[in-house]
Amino acid sequence: MLKAKVKFTHEDYLQLPEDKRYELMEGKFYMVPSPGWSHQTILKKLFRTLDDYVMDGKLGELRFAPLDVVFSQEDVVQPDILFILKEHSHIITEKNIQGAPDLIIEILSATTAERDKGLKRKLYAKYGVKEYWLVDSDKQSIEVMKLGEAGFEPVGIYRKEETLVSPLLKGLHLNLEEVF
């Protein structure tokens, strides 16, 4: 007996309950559990520092989840932090982001780490995200990757005692002791 392979769409996504967080990747739904205290603490510190940098330089827009990024009818995600350069602000709508942010940051957790390192990494590269950061609270490090011809290429893994440098955000020197 053959089983039909069902793929959900953005229209299906819009019908989900509003009190739960979901992502739609390659036509499959993934429930996103509520983040824990450590995750939210890192998110707050990272966002504050980056937002000050972005605002001071009038570089664009920085936001945090939950905010839908619609890549296609079958790919809708809610990155922990996203940044859109001023010259790409046309992808911002009142309801969501329609296209690839320039920078996406995901804070790893036990329930999302595999997806963030695998499926999301591939999706973000496929749709043209220029830079991707993976924040590991256990290792107190941030892996920075930039988009290359074959997907994301490593820039560096920065630890708590180091200063992160971003290829996209020129002049940013992020002291990770202020994040972890």
N, C-alpha and C. Protein backbone atom coordinates (compact mmCIF):
# COMPACT_ATOMS: atom_id res chain seq x y z
N MET A 1 0.83 -1.17 0.00
CA MET A 1 0.00 0.00 0.00
C MET A 1 0.88 1.24 0.00
N LEU A 2 0.65 2.14 -0.93
CA LEU A 2 1.44 3.37 -1.02
C LEU A 2 0.90 4.42 -0.07
N LYS A 3 1.83 5.15 0.53
CA LYS A 3 1.45 6.26 1.39
C LYS A 3 1.80 7.55 0.68
N ALA A 4 0.87 8.48 0.67
CA ALA A 4 1.12 9.78 0.04
C ALA A 4 2.03 10.59 0.94
N LYS A 5 2.99 11.26 0.35
CA LYS A 5 3.89 12.13 1.10
C LYS A 5 3.27 13.53 1.10
N VAL A 6 2.77 13.92 2.25
CA VAL A 6 2.06 15.20 2.37
C VAL A 6 3.06 16.30 2.71
N LYS A 7 2.97 17.40 1.99
CA LYS A 7 3.77 18.58 2.30
C LYS A 7 2.81 19.69 2.67
N PHE A 8 3.08 20.32 3.79
CA PHE A 8 2.26 21.44 4.23
C PHE A 8 2.79 22.73 3.61
N THR A 9 1.94 23.75 3.61
CA THR A 9 2.30 25.03 3.00
C THR A 9 2.15 26.17 4.01
N HIS A 10 2.52 27.34 3.58
CA HIS A 10 2.37 28.54 4.40
C HIS A 10 0.91 28.75 4.79
N GLU A 11 -0.02 28.45 3.91
CA GLU A 11 -1.46 28.57 4.21
C GLU A 11 -1.83 27.65 5.38
N ASP A 12 -1.32 26.43 5.38
CA ASP A 12 -1.57 25.50 6.50
C ASP A 12 -0.95 26.06 7.78
N TYR A 13 0.24 26.60 7.66
CA TYR A 13 0.95 27.17 8.80
C TYR A 13 0.12 28.27 9.48
N LEU A 14 -0.54 29.08 8.68
CA LEU A 14 -1.35 30.18 9.22
C LEU A 14 -2.57 29.69 10.00
N GLN A 15 -2.94 28.43 9.85
CA GLN A 15 -4.09 27.86 10.54
C GLN A 15 -3.73 27.26 11.91
N LEU A 16 -2.46 27.23 12.25
CA LEU A 16 -2.03 26.63 13.52
C LEU A 16 -2.43 27.49 14.70
N PRO A 17 -2.55 26.88 15.90
CA PRO A 17 -2.92 27.65 17.10
C PRO A 17 -1.90 28.75 17.39
N GLU A 18 -2.40 29.90 17.80
CA GLU A 18 -1.51 31.04 18.04
C GLU A 18 -0.74 30.94 19.34
N ASP A 19 -1.15 30.04 20.24
CA ASP A 19 -0.47 29.94 21.53
C ASP A 19 0.70 28.95 21.51
N LYS A 20 1.06 28.45 20.35
CA LYS A 20 2.20 27.53 20.20
C LYS A 20 3.12 28.06 19.10
N ARG A 21 4.42 27.74 19.22
CA ARG A 21 5.38 28.14 18.19
C ARG A 21 5.70 26.96 17.31
N TYR A 22 5.59 27.17 16.01
CA TYR A 22 5.91 26.15 15.03
C TYR A 22 6.83 26.74 13.97
N GLU A 23 7.55 25.84 13.29
CA GLU A 23 8.29 26.20 12.10
C GLU A 23 7.91 25.19 11.03
N LEU A 24 7.96 25.62 9.78
CA LEU A 24 7.63 24.78 8.64
C LEU A 24 8.89 24.67 7.79
N MET A 25 9.44 23.46 7.69
CA MET A 25 10.66 23.27 6.90
C MET A 25 10.49 22.09 5.98
N GLU A 26 10.70 22.36 4.69
CA GLU A 26 10.54 21.35 3.65
C GLU A 26 9.17 20.69 3.71
N GLY A 27 8.15 21.51 4.06
CA GLY A 27 6.78 21.02 4.09
C GLY A 27 6.41 20.23 5.32
N LYS A 28 7.29 20.18 6.34
CA LYS A 28 7.00 19.46 7.58
C LYS A 28 6.95 20.44 8.74
N PHE A 29 5.97 20.22 9.65
CA PHE A 29 5.86 21.06 10.83
C PHE A 29 6.79 20.59 11.94
N TYR A 30 7.39 21.57 12.63
CA TYR A 30 8.21 21.29 13.81
C TYR A 30 7.73 22.22 14.91
N MET A 31 7.36 21.64 16.06
CA MET A 31 6.98 22.47 17.19
C MET A 31 8.25 22.97 17.86
N VAL A 32 8.27 24.23 18.20
CA VAL A 32 9.43 24.84 18.84
C VAL A 32 9.09 25.05 20.31
N PRO A 33 9.75 24.31 21.21
CA PRO A 33 9.43 24.45 22.62
C PRO A 33 9.85 25.81 23.17
N SER A 34 9.22 26.19 24.24
CA SER A 34 9.55 27.45 24.89
C SER A 34 11.01 27.40 25.35
N PRO A 35 11.78 28.48 25.09
CA PRO A 35 13.19 28.48 25.49
C PRO A 35 13.35 28.58 27.01
N GLY A 36 14.47 28.06 27.50
CA GLY A 36 14.76 28.10 28.92
C GLY A 36 15.44 29.39 29.35
N TRP A 37 15.72 29.47 30.65
CA TRP A 37 16.28 30.68 31.27
C TRP A 37 17.64 31.06 30.66
N SER A 38 18.55 30.09 30.54
CA SER A 38 19.88 30.37 30.00
C SER A 38 19.80 30.89 28.56
N HIS A 39 18.96 30.24 27.76
CA HIS A 39 18.74 30.65 26.37
C HIS A 39 18.28 32.10 26.32
N GLN A 40 17.29 32.43 27.13
CA GLN A 40 16.73 33.78 27.12
C GLN A 40 17.71 34.82 27.66
N THR A 41 18.54 34.43 28.61
CA THR A 41 19.54 35.35 29.15
C THR A 41 20.57 35.71 28.08
N ILE A 42 21.04 34.67 27.37
CA ILE A 42 22.00 34.91 26.28
C ILE A 42 21.35 35.73 25.18
N LEU A 43 20.12 35.41 24.84
CA LEU A 43 19.38 36.16 23.81
C LEU A 43 19.31 37.64 24.18
N LYS A 44 18.95 37.93 25.42
CA LYS A 44 18.83 39.32 25.88
C LYS A 44 20.16 40.06 25.77
N LYS A 45 21.23 39.44 26.27
CA LYS A 45 22.53 40.10 26.25
C LYS A 45 23.04 40.31 24.83
N LEU A 46 22.91 39.30 24.00
CA LEU A 46 23.36 39.38 22.62
C LEU A 46 22.56 40.41 21.85
N PHE A 47 21.25 40.39 22.02
CA PHE A 47 20.39 41.34 21.31
C PHE A 47 20.71 42.77 21.71
N ARG A 48 20.85 43.03 23.01
CA ARG A 48 21.14 44.40 23.47
C ARG A 48 22.42 44.95 22.85
N THR A 49 23.46 44.14 22.87
CA THR A 49 24.75 44.57 22.34
C THR A 49 24.68 44.80 20.83
N LEU A 50 24.10 43.84 20.11
CA LEU A 50 23.99 43.98 18.66
C LEU A 50 23.05 45.12 18.26
N ASP A 51 21.97 45.29 18.99
CA ASP A 51 21.02 46.35 18.66
C ASP A 51 21.67 47.72 18.82
N ASP A 52 22.45 47.91 19.88
CA ASP A 52 23.16 49.18 20.06
C ASP A 52 24.09 49.44 18.87
N TYR A 53 24.82 48.40 18.44
CA TYR A 53 25.74 48.54 17.32
C TYR A 53 24.99 48.89 16.03
N VAL A 54 23.92 48.16 15.76
CA VAL A 54 23.13 48.37 14.55
C VAL A 54 22.48 49.76 14.55
N MET A 55 21.92 50.16 15.68
CA MET A 55 21.25 51.46 15.77
C MET A 55 22.25 52.62 15.65
N ASP A 56 23.40 52.50 16.34
CA ASP A 56 24.41 53.55 16.27
C ASP A 56 24.90 53.76 14.83
N GLY A 57 25.05 52.67 14.09
CA GLY A 57 25.54 52.76 12.72
C GLY A 57 24.44 52.93 11.68
N LYS A 58 23.17 52.94 12.15
CA LYS A 58 22.02 53.02 11.23
C LYS A 58 22.17 51.99 10.09
N LEU A 59 22.44 50.73 10.49
CA LEU A 59 22.77 49.67 9.54
C LEU A 59 21.56 48.93 8.99
N GLY A 60 20.47 48.91 9.77
CA GLY A 60 19.30 48.14 9.34
C GLY A 60 18.42 47.82 10.52
N GLU A 61 17.82 46.63 10.47
CA GLU A 61 16.85 46.22 11.49
C GLU A 61 17.25 44.89 12.13
N LEU A 62 17.18 44.84 13.46
CA LEU A 62 17.48 43.65 14.23
C LEU A 62 16.22 43.26 15.00
N ARG A 63 15.84 41.97 14.95
CA ARG A 63 14.65 41.49 15.66
C ARG A 63 14.92 40.13 16.27
N PHE A 64 14.02 39.70 17.17
CA PHE A 64 14.13 38.39 17.80
C PHE A 64 12.81 37.65 17.72
N ALA A 65 12.88 36.33 17.94
CA ALA A 65 11.70 35.45 17.85
C ALA A 65 10.70 35.80 18.94
N PRO A 66 9.44 35.54 18.69
CA PRO A 66 8.89 34.92 17.49
C PRO A 66 8.56 35.95 16.40
N LEU A 67 9.12 35.76 15.24
CA LEU A 67 8.82 36.55 14.04
C LEU A 67 9.06 35.63 12.85
N ASP A 68 8.04 35.45 12.03
CA ASP A 68 8.15 34.53 10.90
C ASP A 68 9.04 35.08 9.80
N VAL A 69 9.91 34.20 9.31
CA VAL A 69 10.68 34.44 8.11
C VAL A 69 10.15 33.47 7.06
N VAL A 70 9.51 34.02 6.03
CA VAL A 70 8.89 33.20 5.00
C VAL A 70 9.86 33.13 3.82
N PHE A 71 10.47 31.96 3.65
CA PHE A 71 11.37 31.73 2.52
C PHE A 71 10.58 31.26 1.30
N SER A 72 9.57 30.42 1.54
CA SER A 72 8.77 29.85 0.47
C SER A 72 7.46 29.35 1.06
N GLN A 73 6.62 28.79 0.26
CA GLN A 73 5.36 28.22 0.74
C GLN A 73 5.59 27.02 1.66
N GLU A 74 6.77 26.38 1.58
CA GLU A 74 7.06 25.21 2.40
C GLU A 74 8.14 25.44 3.45
N ASP A 75 8.64 26.68 3.56
CA ASP A 75 9.71 26.97 4.51
C ASP A 75 9.45 28.29 5.24
N VAL A 76 9.02 28.17 6.51
CA VAL A 76 8.74 29.32 7.36
C VAL A 76 9.40 29.05 8.71
N VAL A 77 10.34 29.91 9.11
CA VAL A 77 11.11 29.70 10.33
C VAL A 77 11.01 30.91 11.25
N GLN A 78 11.42 30.70 12.50
CA GLN A 78 11.46 31.77 13.49
C GLN A 78 12.83 31.78 14.17
N PRO A 79 13.83 32.38 13.53
CA PRO A 79 15.17 32.40 14.12
C PRO A 79 15.18 33.16 15.45
N ASP A 80 16.12 32.81 16.31
CA ASP A 80 16.22 33.49 17.60
C ASP A 80 16.49 34.98 17.40
N ILE A 81 17.44 35.32 16.53
CA ILE A 81 17.75 36.72 16.20
C ILE A 81 17.96 36.80 14.71
N LEU A 82 17.50 37.88 14.11
CA LEU A 82 17.74 38.11 12.68
C LEU A 82 18.07 39.57 12.45
N PHE A 83 18.89 39.80 11.43
CA PHE A 83 19.30 41.15 11.06
C PHE A 83 19.11 41.34 9.57
N ILE A 84 18.55 42.49 9.21
CA ILE A 84 18.33 42.84 7.81
C ILE A 84 19.01 44.18 7.53
N LEU A 85 19.94 44.18 6.58
CA LEU A 85 20.61 45.42 6.19
C LEU A 85 19.58 46.42 5.67
N LYS A 86 19.88 47.70 5.88
CA LYS A 86 18.99 48.78 5.46
C LYS A 86 18.60 48.65 3.99
N GLU A 87 19.56 48.28 3.14
CA GLU A 87 19.27 48.20 1.70
C GLU A 87 18.39 47.00 1.33
N HIS A 88 18.12 46.11 2.29
CA HIS A 88 17.24 44.97 2.03
C HIS A 88 15.92 45.08 2.80
N SER A 89 15.61 46.27 3.29
CA SER A 89 14.42 46.45 4.12
C SER A 89 13.10 46.18 3.38
N HIS A 90 13.16 46.08 2.06
CA HIS A 90 11.94 45.79 1.28
C HIS A 90 11.37 44.40 1.61
N ILE A 91 12.12 43.52 2.26
CA ILE A 91 11.60 42.19 2.60
C ILE A 91 10.79 42.21 3.90
N ILE A 92 10.79 43.35 4.60
CA ILE A 92 10.05 43.48 5.86
C ILE A 92 8.61 43.86 5.56
N THR A 93 7.67 43.06 6.10
CA THR A 93 6.25 43.41 6.00
C THR A 93 5.70 43.51 7.42
N GLU A 94 4.50 43.99 7.54
CA GLU A 94 3.88 44.11 8.87
C GLU A 94 3.74 42.75 9.55
N LYS A 95 3.45 41.71 8.79
CA LYS A 95 3.19 40.39 9.37
C LYS A 95 4.43 39.50 9.50
N ASN A 96 5.43 39.68 8.61
CA ASN A 96 6.56 38.76 8.61
C ASN A 96 7.68 39.30 7.74
N ILE A 97 8.71 38.50 7.59
CA ILE A 97 9.84 38.80 6.71
C ILE A 97 9.66 37.92 5.48
N GLN A 98 9.69 38.52 4.30
CA GLN A 98 9.49 37.80 3.04
C GLN A 98 10.82 37.67 2.30
N GLY A 99 11.62 36.71 2.72
CA GLY A 99 12.92 36.51 2.09
C GLY A 99 14.00 36.30 3.13
N ALA A 100 15.24 36.29 2.68
CA ALA A 100 16.38 35.96 3.55
C ALA A 100 16.92 37.17 4.30
N PRO A 101 16.92 37.10 5.64
CA PRO A 101 17.67 38.10 6.41
C PRO A 101 19.16 37.99 6.06
N ASP A 102 19.91 39.02 6.34
CA ASP A 102 21.34 38.99 6.05
C ASP A 102 22.12 38.18 7.09
N LEU A 103 21.65 38.19 8.33
CA LEU A 103 22.27 37.45 9.42
C LEU A 103 21.19 36.75 10.21
N ILE A 104 21.43 35.48 10.52
CA ILE A 104 20.55 34.73 11.42
C ILE A 104 21.41 34.14 12.52
N ILE A 105 20.88 34.25 13.75
CA ILE A 105 21.56 33.70 14.93
C ILE A 105 20.61 32.72 15.60
N GLU A 106 21.10 31.50 15.84
CA GLU A 106 20.34 30.49 16.56
C GLU A 106 21.10 30.13 17.83
N ILE A 107 20.38 30.10 18.95
CA ILE A 107 20.95 29.70 20.23
C ILE A 107 20.57 28.24 20.43
N LEU A 108 21.57 27.38 20.50
CA LEU A 108 21.33 25.94 20.57
C LEU A 108 20.69 25.54 21.89
N SER A 109 19.78 24.57 21.80
CA SER A 109 19.22 23.93 22.98
C SER A 109 19.17 22.44 22.69
N ALA A 110 18.94 21.64 23.71
CA ALA A 110 18.93 20.19 23.53
C ALA A 110 17.90 19.75 22.49
N THR A 111 16.78 20.44 22.43
CA THR A 111 15.70 20.03 21.51
C THR A 111 15.86 20.59 20.10
N THR A 112 16.69 21.61 19.91
CA THR A 112 16.80 22.23 18.58
C THR A 112 18.19 22.15 17.95
N ALA A 113 19.20 21.75 18.71
CA ALA A 113 20.59 21.80 18.23
C ALA A 113 20.80 21.03 16.93
N GLU A 114 20.28 19.82 16.86
CA GLU A 114 20.47 19.01 15.65
C GLU A 114 19.85 19.69 14.43
N ARG A 115 18.66 20.22 14.60
CA ARG A 115 17.96 20.92 13.51
C ARG A 115 18.70 22.19 13.11
N ASP A 116 19.17 22.96 14.11
CA ASP A 116 19.89 24.21 13.83
C ASP A 116 21.19 23.95 13.06
N LYS A 117 21.89 22.88 13.42
CA LYS A 117 23.17 22.55 12.78
C LYS A 117 22.99 21.85 11.44
N GLY A 118 21.85 21.23 11.22
CA GLY A 118 21.63 20.45 10.00
C GLY A 118 20.65 21.10 9.04
N LEU A 119 19.37 20.83 9.24
CA LEU A 119 18.33 21.27 8.32
C LEU A 119 18.29 22.79 8.17
N LYS A 120 18.31 23.51 9.28
CA LYS A 120 18.25 24.97 9.18
C LYS A 120 19.49 25.54 8.49
N ARG A 121 20.63 25.00 8.79
CA ARG A 121 21.87 25.46 8.14
C ARG A 121 21.75 25.33 6.63
N LYS A 122 21.23 24.20 6.16
CA LYS A 122 21.04 23.99 4.72
C LYS A 122 19.99 24.93 4.14
N LEU A 123 18.88 25.10 4.86
CA LEU A 123 17.83 26.01 4.38
C LEU A 123 18.33 27.44 4.29
N TYR A 124 19.02 27.89 5.33
CA TYR A 124 19.51 29.27 5.34
C TYR A 124 20.48 29.52 4.20
N ALA A 125 21.33 28.55 3.92
CA ALA A 125 22.26 28.67 2.79
C ALA A 125 21.49 28.67 1.47
N LYS A 126 20.54 27.76 1.35
CA LYS A 126 19.74 27.64 0.12
C LYS A 126 19.06 28.96 -0.24
N TYR A 127 18.54 29.65 0.77
CA TYR A 127 17.79 30.87 0.51
C TYR A 127 18.64 32.14 0.55
N GLY A 128 19.95 32.02 0.80
CA GLY A 128 20.84 33.16 0.65
C GLY A 128 21.12 34.00 1.88
N VAL A 129 20.97 33.43 3.08
CA VAL A 129 21.37 34.15 4.29
C VAL A 129 22.89 34.30 4.23
N LYS A 130 23.37 35.52 4.38
CA LYS A 130 24.81 35.79 4.19
C LYS A 130 25.69 35.29 5.34
N GLU A 131 25.15 35.34 6.56
CA GLU A 131 25.95 34.96 7.71
C GLU A 131 25.07 34.24 8.73
N TYR A 132 25.62 33.20 9.36
CA TYR A 132 24.88 32.36 10.29
C TYR A 132 25.74 32.13 11.53
N TRP A 133 25.16 32.41 12.70
CA TRP A 133 25.85 32.18 13.96
C TRP A 133 25.14 31.09 14.73
N LEU A 134 25.90 30.16 15.30
CA LEU A 134 25.37 29.15 16.21
C LEU A 134 25.95 29.42 17.60
N VAL A 135 25.07 29.72 18.54
CA VAL A 135 25.49 30.04 19.90
C VAL A 135 25.33 28.79 20.76
N ASP A 136 26.43 28.36 21.37
CA ASP A 136 26.42 27.17 22.22
C ASP A 136 26.63 27.61 23.66
N SER A 137 25.56 27.60 24.45
CA SER A 137 25.65 28.06 25.84
C SER A 137 26.47 27.10 26.70
N ASP A 138 26.43 25.80 26.41
CA ASP A 138 27.20 24.83 27.18
C ASP A 138 28.71 25.05 27.01
N LYS A 139 29.13 25.26 25.77
CA LYS A 139 30.55 25.48 25.48
C LYS A 139 30.95 26.95 25.59
N GLN A 140 29.96 27.81 25.82
CA GLN A 140 30.16 29.26 25.88
C GLN A 140 30.97 29.74 24.68
N SER A 141 30.39 29.43 23.50
CA SER A 141 31.05 29.80 22.25
C SER A 141 30.02 30.17 21.19
N ILE A 142 30.50 30.89 20.18
CA ILE A 142 29.67 31.23 19.02
C ILE A 142 30.46 30.86 17.77
N GLU A 143 29.83 30.02 16.94
CA GLU A 143 30.42 29.67 15.66
C GLU A 143 29.87 30.62 14.60
N VAL A 144 30.74 31.28 13.88
CA VAL A 144 30.35 32.23 12.84
C VAL A 144 30.66 31.60 11.48
N MET A 145 29.66 31.64 10.60
CA MET A 145 29.82 31.09 9.25
C MET A 145 29.34 32.14 8.25
N LYS A 146 29.96 32.14 7.07
CA LYS A 146 29.52 33.02 6.00
C LYS A 146 29.15 32.18 4.79
N LEU A 147 28.26 32.70 3.97
CA LEU A 147 27.79 31.98 2.81
C LEU A 147 28.85 31.96 1.73
N GLY A 148 29.12 30.76 1.23
CA GLY A 148 30.03 30.57 0.12
C GLY A 148 29.32 29.85 -1.01
N GLU A 149 30.05 29.46 -2.03
CA GLU A 149 29.45 28.80 -3.19
C GLU A 149 28.84 27.45 -2.85
N ALA A 150 29.40 26.73 -1.89
CA ALA A 150 28.91 25.39 -1.54
C ALA A 150 28.16 25.37 -0.22
N GLY A 151 27.65 26.51 0.22
CA GLY A 151 26.96 26.58 1.51
C GLY A 151 27.75 27.44 2.48
N PHE A 152 27.50 27.22 3.77
CA PHE A 152 28.19 28.02 4.77
C PHE A 152 29.62 27.53 4.99
N GLU A 153 30.53 28.51 5.05
CA GLU A 153 31.94 28.25 5.30
C GLU A 153 32.30 28.80 6.67
N PRO A 154 33.14 28.07 7.42
CA PRO A 154 33.51 28.55 8.76
C PRO A 154 34.35 29.83 8.70
N VAL A 155 34.03 30.74 9.60
CA VAL A 155 34.83 31.94 9.79
C VAL A 155 35.65 31.76 11.06
N GLY A 156 34.99 31.25 12.10
CA GLY A 156 35.68 31.00 13.35
C GLY A 156 34.72 30.59 14.44
N ILE A 157 35.28 29.94 15.47
CA ILE A 157 34.53 29.63 16.68
C ILE A 157 35.15 30.47 17.78
N TYR A 158 34.33 31.34 18.34
CA TYR A 158 34.80 32.30 19.34
C TYR A 158 34.32 31.85 20.73
N ARG A 159 35.25 31.81 21.68
CA ARG A 159 34.92 31.37 23.03
C ARG A 159 34.74 32.57 23.97
N LYS A 160 34.27 32.27 25.16
CA LYS A 160 33.89 33.30 26.14
C LYS A 160 34.98 34.37 26.33
N GLU A 161 36.22 33.95 26.34
CA GLU A 161 37.31 34.90 26.61
C GLU A 161 37.80 35.64 25.36
N GLU A 162 37.13 35.40 24.24
CA GLU A 162 37.57 36.00 22.98
C GLU A 162 36.61 37.09 22.50
N THR A 163 37.02 37.77 21.44
CA THR A 163 36.22 38.83 20.82
C THR A 163 35.78 38.36 19.45
N LEU A 164 34.48 38.31 19.24
CA LEU A 164 33.90 37.87 17.97
C LEU A 164 34.00 38.98 16.94
N VAL A 165 34.37 38.61 15.72
CA VAL A 165 34.42 39.54 14.59
C VAL A 165 33.50 38.98 13.51
N SER A 166 32.68 39.86 12.94
CA SER A 166 31.71 39.45 11.93
C SER A 166 32.11 39.97 10.55
N PRO A 167 32.12 39.10 9.52
CA PRO A 167 32.38 39.59 8.17
C PRO A 167 31.31 40.56 7.68
N LEU A 168 30.08 40.35 8.09
CA LEU A 168 28.97 41.19 7.64
C LEU A 168 28.91 42.52 8.38
N LEU A 169 29.06 42.48 9.68
CA LEU A 169 28.97 43.69 10.51
C LEU A 169 30.38 44.24 10.73
N LYS A 170 30.88 44.92 9.72
CA LYS A 170 32.25 45.46 9.73
C LYS A 170 32.44 46.37 10.95
N GLY A 171 33.54 46.17 11.64
CA GLY A 171 33.85 47.01 12.79
C GLY A 171 33.27 46.50 14.10
N LEU A 172 32.43 45.46 14.06
CA LEU A 172 31.88 44.89 15.28
C LEU A 172 32.96 44.08 15.98
N HIS A 173 33.16 44.37 17.24
CA HIS A 173 34.07 43.60 18.09
C HIS A 173 33.27 43.24 19.33
N LEU A 174 32.74 42.01 19.35
CA LEU A 174 31.83 41.58 20.39
C LEU A 174 32.58 40.78 21.44
N ASN A 175 32.71 41.38 22.62
CA ASN A 175 33.38 40.74 23.76
C ASN A 175 32.42 39.68 24.32
N LEU A 176 32.76 38.41 24.16
CA LEU A 176 31.83 37.36 24.55
C LEU A 176 31.70 37.18 26.06
N GLU A 177 32.58 37.77 26.82
CA GLU A 177 32.39 37.74 28.28
C GLU A 177 31.14 38.52 28.68
N GLU A 178 30.72 39.44 27.82
CA GLU A 178 29.49 40.19 28.09
C GLU A 178 28.24 39.41 27.69
N VAL A 179 28.42 38.33 26.94
CA VAL A 179 27.29 37.50 26.48
C VAL A 179 27.09 36.29 27.38
N PHE A 180 28.22 35.64 27.79
CA PHE A 180 28.13 34.40 28.58
C PHE A 180 28.39 34.66 30.06
